[in-house]
Protein backbone atom coordinates (compact mmCIF):
# COMPACT_ATOMS: atom_id res chain seq x y z
CA MET A 1 29.09 2.62 6.72
CA SER A 2 25.22 0.98 6.13
CA PHE A 3 22.78 3.41 5.54
CA SER A 4 19.14 1.95 5.26
CA ILE A 5 15.87 3.22 3.61
CA VAL A 6 12.44 1.82 3.30
CA HIS A 7 11.29 3.20 -0.24
CA LEU A 8 6.93 3.07 -0.52
CA SER A 9 5.33 4.57 -2.93
CA ASP A 10 1.57 4.94 -4.89
CA THR A 11 -0.58 4.33 -1.59
CA HIS A 12 -3.62 6.53 -3.24
CA PHE A 13 -5.73 6.69 0.02
CA GLY A 14 -9.64 7.72 -0.99
CA GLY A 15 -9.78 5.63 -3.75
CA LYS A 16 -6.80 2.19 -4.37
CA ALA A 17 -5.48 1.88 -1.17
CA ASP A 18 -5.38 -1.23 0.45
CA LEU A 19 -6.15 -0.57 4.17
CA ALA A 20 -4.14 -4.52 4.86
CA GLN A 21 -1.85 -3.57 3.01
CA ILE A 22 -0.94 -0.16 4.94
CA GLU A 23 -0.96 -1.82 8.39
CA ALA A 24 0.94 -4.54 7.40
CA VAL A 25 3.75 -1.63 6.40
CA GLU A 26 3.10 -0.02 9.51
CA ALA A 27 3.69 -3.25 11.50
CA LEU A 28 6.65 -4.33 9.61
CA VAL A 29 8.99 -1.15 9.21
CA PRO A 30 9.75 -1.13 12.92
CA ASP A 31 11.78 -3.90 12.51
CA LEU A 32 13.82 -3.23 9.28
CA GLU A 33 14.97 -0.20 11.50
CA PRO A 34 15.40 1.99 8.40
CA ARG A 35 17.76 5.71 9.25
CA VAL A 36 14.71 6.97 6.52
CA VAL A 37 11.24 5.84 4.97
CA VAL A 38 10.96 7.80 1.51
CA PHE A 39 7.48 8.01 0.16
CA SER A 40 8.04 8.87 -3.37
CA GLY A 41 4.71 10.12 -4.58
CA ASP A 42 0.62 9.97 -5.62
CA VAL A 43 0.33 9.55 -1.69
CA SER A 44 -3.60 10.56 -2.79
CA GLN A 45 -5.72 9.73 -5.46
CA ARG A 46 -7.99 13.07 -6.46
CA ALA A 47 -5.75 15.13 -3.99
CA ARG A 48 -8.84 15.56 -1.66
CA HIS A 49 -8.31 17.04 2.11
CA GLY A 50 -9.55 13.62 3.35
CA GLU A 51 -7.37 11.68 1.02
CA LEU A 52 -4.33 13.48 2.40
CA GLN A 53 -5.20 13.69 5.89
CA ALA A 54 -5.23 9.72 5.61
CA ALA A 55 -2.02 9.84 4.17
CA ARG A 56 -0.74 12.59 6.52
CA GLY A 57 -2.17 9.76 9.23
CA PHE A 58 0.20 7.63 7.56
CA VAL A 59 3.44 9.61 7.88
CA ARG A 60 2.83 10.27 10.90
CA GLU A 61 2.97 6.65 12.42
CA LEU A 62 5.94 6.36 10.35
CA GLU A 63 7.57 8.75 11.60
CA ARG A 64 7.59 6.85 15.09
CA THR A 65 10.68 4.57 13.56
CA ALA A 66 12.33 7.11 11.42
CA PRO A 67 11.92 10.60 9.70
CA VAL A 68 10.23 10.44 6.28
CA TYR A 69 10.87 12.45 3.15
CA VAL A 70 7.95 13.10 1.01
CA LEU A 71 7.59 14.45 -2.50
CA PRO A 72 4.02 14.92 -4.43
CA GLY A 73 3.16 13.06 -7.18
CA ASN A 74 0.81 13.09 -10.35
CA HIS A 75 -2.19 12.20 -8.41
CA ASP A 76 -1.03 14.81 -5.51
CA VAL A 77 -1.61 17.79 -7.72
CA GLN A 78 -4.43 19.52 -8.57
CA TRP A 79 -4.12 20.43 -12.15
CA TRP A 80 -7.52 21.81 -13.16
CA TRP A 81 -7.07 24.83 -11.36
CA ARG A 82 -4.40 26.25 -13.43
CA PRO A 83 -4.20 23.83 -16.60
CA LEU A 84 -1.36 25.56 -18.83
CA VAL A 85 -1.23 28.87 -17.28
CA PRO A 86 1.99 29.89 -16.16
CA PHE A 87 0.42 32.18 -13.48
CA SER A 88 0.20 31.39 -9.63
CA PRO A 89 1.34 27.51 -10.57
CA GLY A 90 1.38 27.31 -6.91
CA VAL A 91 -1.88 26.59 -6.32
CA LYS A 92 -1.80 22.96 -7.88
CA TYR A 93 -0.42 22.29 -4.79
CA GLN A 94 -2.07 23.98 -1.99
CA LYS A 95 -3.96 21.35 -0.55
CA TYR A 96 -1.29 19.02 -0.43
CA ARG A 97 1.11 21.49 1.10
CA ALA A 98 -1.45 21.91 3.27
CA HIS A 99 -0.98 18.76 4.87
CA PHE A 100 2.88 18.35 3.87
CA GLY A 101 4.53 21.72 4.34
CA GLY A 102 5.45 24.11 2.02
CA GLU A 103 8.52 22.70 0.58
CA LEU A 104 8.05 20.30 -1.87
CA ALA A 105 11.25 18.62 -2.83
CA PRO A 106 12.76 19.00 0.59
CA THR A 107 16.77 17.46 0.78
CA LEU A 108 17.21 15.47 4.14
CA VAL A 109 21.19 15.16 5.31
CA PHE A 110 22.72 12.53 7.05
CA PRO A 111 26.19 11.86 7.94
CA GLU A 112 26.63 8.83 5.50
CA ALA A 113 23.70 10.20 2.69
CA ILE A 114 22.07 13.67 1.26
CA ILE A 115 18.97 12.87 0.27
CA ALA A 116 17.80 15.13 -2.37
CA GLY A 117 14.56 15.32 -4.41
CA ALA A 118 13.09 16.41 -7.93
CA VAL A 119 9.41 17.89 -8.68
CA THR A 120 7.98 15.80 -11.74
CA SER A 121 4.54 16.48 -11.24
CA TYR A 122 3.28 19.27 -12.79
CA GLY A 123 -0.35 18.45 -13.90
CA VAL A 124 -1.24 19.65 -17.50
CA ALA A 125 2.04 20.92 -18.27
CA TRP A 126 3.81 22.19 -21.94
CA ARG A 127 6.78 19.92 -20.98
CA SER A 128 4.66 17.10 -19.69
CA LEU A 129 2.26 16.94 -22.93
CA THR A 130 2.94 13.89 -25.38
CA PHE A 131 0.82 13.08 -28.72
CA ARG A 132 -1.06 10.84 -26.49
CA LEU A 133 -4.62 11.74 -24.63
CA ARG A 134 -4.30 9.31 -22.05
CA ASP A 135 -0.92 10.83 -20.92
CA LEU A 136 -2.78 14.21 -20.13
CA ALA A 137 -1.86 15.24 -16.48
CA VAL A 138 -0.45 12.01 -16.28
CA LYS A 139 3.08 11.99 -17.51
CA GLY A 140 6.05 14.14 -15.56
CA HIS A 141 9.00 15.98 -16.55
CA LEU A 142 12.41 17.30 -15.18
CA PRO A 143 13.11 20.52 -15.83
CA LYS A 144 16.59 21.99 -15.62
CA ARG A 145 16.34 24.67 -12.99
CA GLU A 146 15.48 21.17 -10.52
CA PHE A 147 18.51 19.05 -11.92
CA ARG A 148 20.89 22.54 -11.68
CA ARG A 149 19.45 22.14 -8.23
CA VAL A 150 19.93 18.85 -7.35
CA LYS A 151 23.27 18.79 -9.08
CA ALA A 152 24.52 22.09 -6.81
CA LEU A 153 23.52 20.13 -3.83
CA PHE A 154 25.42 16.60 -4.95
CA ASP A 155 28.38 18.39 -5.92
CA GLY A 156 28.43 20.17 -2.41
CA ALA A 157 27.88 17.31 -0.20
CA PRO A 158 31.19 15.52 1.24
CA PRO A 159 32.57 12.46 -1.26
CA GLU A 160 31.48 10.08 1.96
CA GLN A 161 27.93 10.74 1.49
CA ALA A 162 25.71 8.79 -0.60
CA ARG A 163 23.75 10.58 -3.38
CA ILE A 164 20.28 9.34 -3.30
CA LEU A 165 17.14 11.40 -5.76
CA VAL A 166 13.99 11.20 -5.42
CA VAL A 167 11.31 11.86 -7.68
CA HIS A 168 7.64 10.47 -8.47
CA HIS A 169 7.86 9.30 -12.17
CA ASN A 170 9.42 5.90 -13.10
CA VAL A 171 12.62 7.12 -14.93
CA LEU A 172 12.61 3.86 -16.77
CA ARG A 173 10.37 2.10 -18.84
CA GLY A 174 7.92 -0.41 -17.45
CA ASP A 175 7.87 -4.17 -18.22
CA LEU A 176 4.35 -4.47 -18.51
CA SER A 177 3.25 -1.16 -19.00
CA ALA A 178 6.11 -0.48 -22.02
CA ARG A 179 5.90 3.01 -20.45
CA MET A 180 8.11 6.06 -19.38
CA GLY A 181 6.99 7.98 -16.82
CA LEU A 182 8.73 11.12 -18.08
CA ALA A 183 8.15 12.86 -21.28
CA ARG A 184 12.03 13.86 -22.85
CA TRP A 185 13.12 11.09 -20.74
CA ARG A 186 16.50 10.58 -22.94
CA GLN A 187 16.94 14.01 -21.66
CA ALA A 188 15.64 13.30 -18.05
CA GLN A 189 17.78 10.20 -18.23
CA ARG A 190 20.52 12.65 -19.54
CA ARG A 191 20.31 14.85 -16.53
CA ILE A 192 19.93 12.45 -13.63
CA VAL A 193 23.32 10.64 -14.84
CA ARG A 194 24.88 14.05 -14.77
CA SER A 195 23.74 15.43 -11.09
CA GLY A 196 26.05 13.28 -9.73
CA ALA A 197 23.03 10.51 -8.30
CA GLU A 198 24.10 7.08 -7.16
CA VAL A 199 20.53 5.93 -6.31
CA VAL A 200 17.14 7.23 -7.88
CA LEU A 201 14.00 6.72 -5.97
CA CYS A 202 10.78 6.76 -7.95
CA GLY A 203 7.55 4.81 -8.43
CA HIS A 204 4.32 5.67 -10.49
CA ASP A 205 4.17 2.58 -12.88
CA HIS A 206 2.97 0.48 -9.95
CA GLN A 207 5.04 -2.22 -10.88
CA GLU A 208 8.14 -2.94 -8.69
CA LYS A 209 11.69 -2.36 -10.76
CA THR A 210 14.55 -2.24 -9.91
CA ASP A 211 17.82 -1.41 -12.50
CA LEU A 212 20.93 0.22 -13.45
CA LEU A 213 20.12 3.42 -15.39
CA ARG A 214 22.60 3.80 -18.36
CA GLY A 215 24.68 1.14 -16.48
CA LYS A 216 25.56 4.05 -13.77
CA VAL A 217 22.80 4.91 -11.18
CA VAL A 218 20.55 2.37 -9.26
CA VAL A 219 17.02 2.82 -9.99
CA SER A 220 14.91 1.66 -7.30
CA CYS A 221 11.21 2.14 -8.66
CA ALA A 222 8.87 0.67 -6.13
CA GLY A 223 5.78 -1.17 -6.45
CA THR A 224 2.30 0.24 -5.13
CA LEU A 225 0.91 0.14 -1.77
CA SER A 226 -3.47 -0.42 -3.53
CA THR A 227 -5.70 -2.27 -5.33
CA ALA A 228 -3.82 -1.36 -8.54
CA SER A 229 -0.63 -3.40 -8.93
CA ARG A 230 0.08 -3.68 -12.56
CA GLY A 231 -1.32 -7.29 -14.01
CA GLY A 232 -2.51 -8.00 -10.65
CA ARG A 233 0.52 -9.05 -9.02
CA PRO A 234 1.61 -8.78 -5.66
CA SER A 235 2.02 -5.57 -4.11
CA VAL A 236 6.09 -4.70 -3.42
CA PHE A 237 8.14 -2.49 -1.53
CA HIS A 238 11.27 -2.16 -1.44
CA ARG A 239 14.46 -2.08 1.31
CA ILE A 240 17.50 -0.09 0.34
CA ILE A 241 21.02 -0.92 2.28
CA VAL A 242 23.78 1.39 1.38
CA ASP A 243 27.62 0.20 2.55
CA GLU A 244 30.94 0.63 1.51
CA GLY A 245 31.05 -1.31 -1.77
CA ALA A 246 27.21 -1.84 -2.83
CA VAL A 247 23.91 -0.68 -3.22
CA HIS A 248 21.52 -3.40 -2.17
CA VAL A 249 17.32 -3.56 -3.05
CA GLU A 250 15.49 -5.58 -1.15
CA LEU A 251 11.69 -6.53 -2.33
CA TYR A 252 9.09 -7.23 0.33
CA ARG A 253 6.10 -8.82 -1.16
CA TRP A 254 2.41 -9.05 -0.24
CA ASP A 255 1.35 -12.24 0.88
CA ALA A 256 -2.13 -11.93 0.31
CA GLU A 257 -3.31 -15.31 2.30
CA ARG A 258 -0.84 -14.35 5.34
CA ARG A 259 -1.75 -10.39 4.86
CA ALA A 260 1.99 -10.01 5.34
CA PHE A 261 4.96 -8.69 3.25
CA ARG A 262 7.79 -11.20 2.87
CA ARG A 263 11.04 -10.52 1.75
CA SER A 264 11.63 -11.91 -1.74
CA ASP A 265 14.59 -10.82 -4.34
CA VAL A 266 17.74 -8.86 -3.12
CA HIS A 267 19.66 -6.98 -5.64
CA SER A 268 23.40 -6.19 -5.09
CA PHE A 269 24.99 -3.26 -7.49
CA ALA A 270 28.64 -2.25 -6.68
CA ARG A 271 29.56 1.14 -6.01
CA THR A 272 31.66 2.87 -8.73
CA ARG A 273 31.08 6.63 -6.97
CA ARG A 274 34.52 6.36 -4.95
CA GLY A 275 36.61 3.58 -6.60
CA HIS A 276 34.48 0.56 -6.03
CA GLY A 277 35.44 -0.86 -9.54
CA THR A 278 33.79 0.24 -13.09
CA GLU A 279 31.23 -3.06 -13.34
CA ALA A 280 27.75 -2.82 -11.67
CA GLU A 281 26.25 -6.20 -11.19
CA ALA A 282 23.00 -7.82 -10.01
CA ASN A 283 22.63 -10.57 -7.60
CA VAL A 284 19.27 -12.11 -7.43
CA ALA A 285 18.68 -14.31 -4.30
């Protein structure tokens, strides 16, 4: 069993997208032979039709190679239409749905894996609020209803399927930002672990990170395909390979001089779900 995912995030079409990086990804993805491409949100900068159309064109090109899984990030939500108002919340996602379909967090099922999403981007919402003004419409949260829905999907899946969860906001603290993407992040982390997820794919922080959540869940936080990579560092996207005994996360780093992405670090974590041991280890090559 071997299941390959290309994990992209945060293109920010319309404001900060780096077209050279977009074109390089389009050229490289077919050679990586993924079973699925996962795009973990912030496809646009301001949820405008033109931006979402550009993002949809990018997705359509990637679909020539493999199915593409997309879920919205905080920049894809028109939060200003319903700030803090619980009625008709769907209007916030109206433009996004027009381009990417009505289901905000779809489920994809393969013989080797089940991929389920949980919406964490709600704009200005009570459960996402913090005491920091800069977090307005930026922070996300993981509601109980989303946790329960994902847990039911994973509980009902055959044991041989890898459980892969997609969210937008970073679930581990950013190394440079020193920030968590989710409000009530301890609760969110507990819910992710209890859901049965083996791998979490996220973005939002604009800096790549690969680590274990509470020693149990492999986290792939992809960087941004834009000019806004944190700390002026090269942009990074990930390729994840899940096999019988391990989860491998390959980092593809932007080489501006060659205008291409090159594989750099590779992190490997032992799978523990089906008796592959209790120790998870990371190796960097």
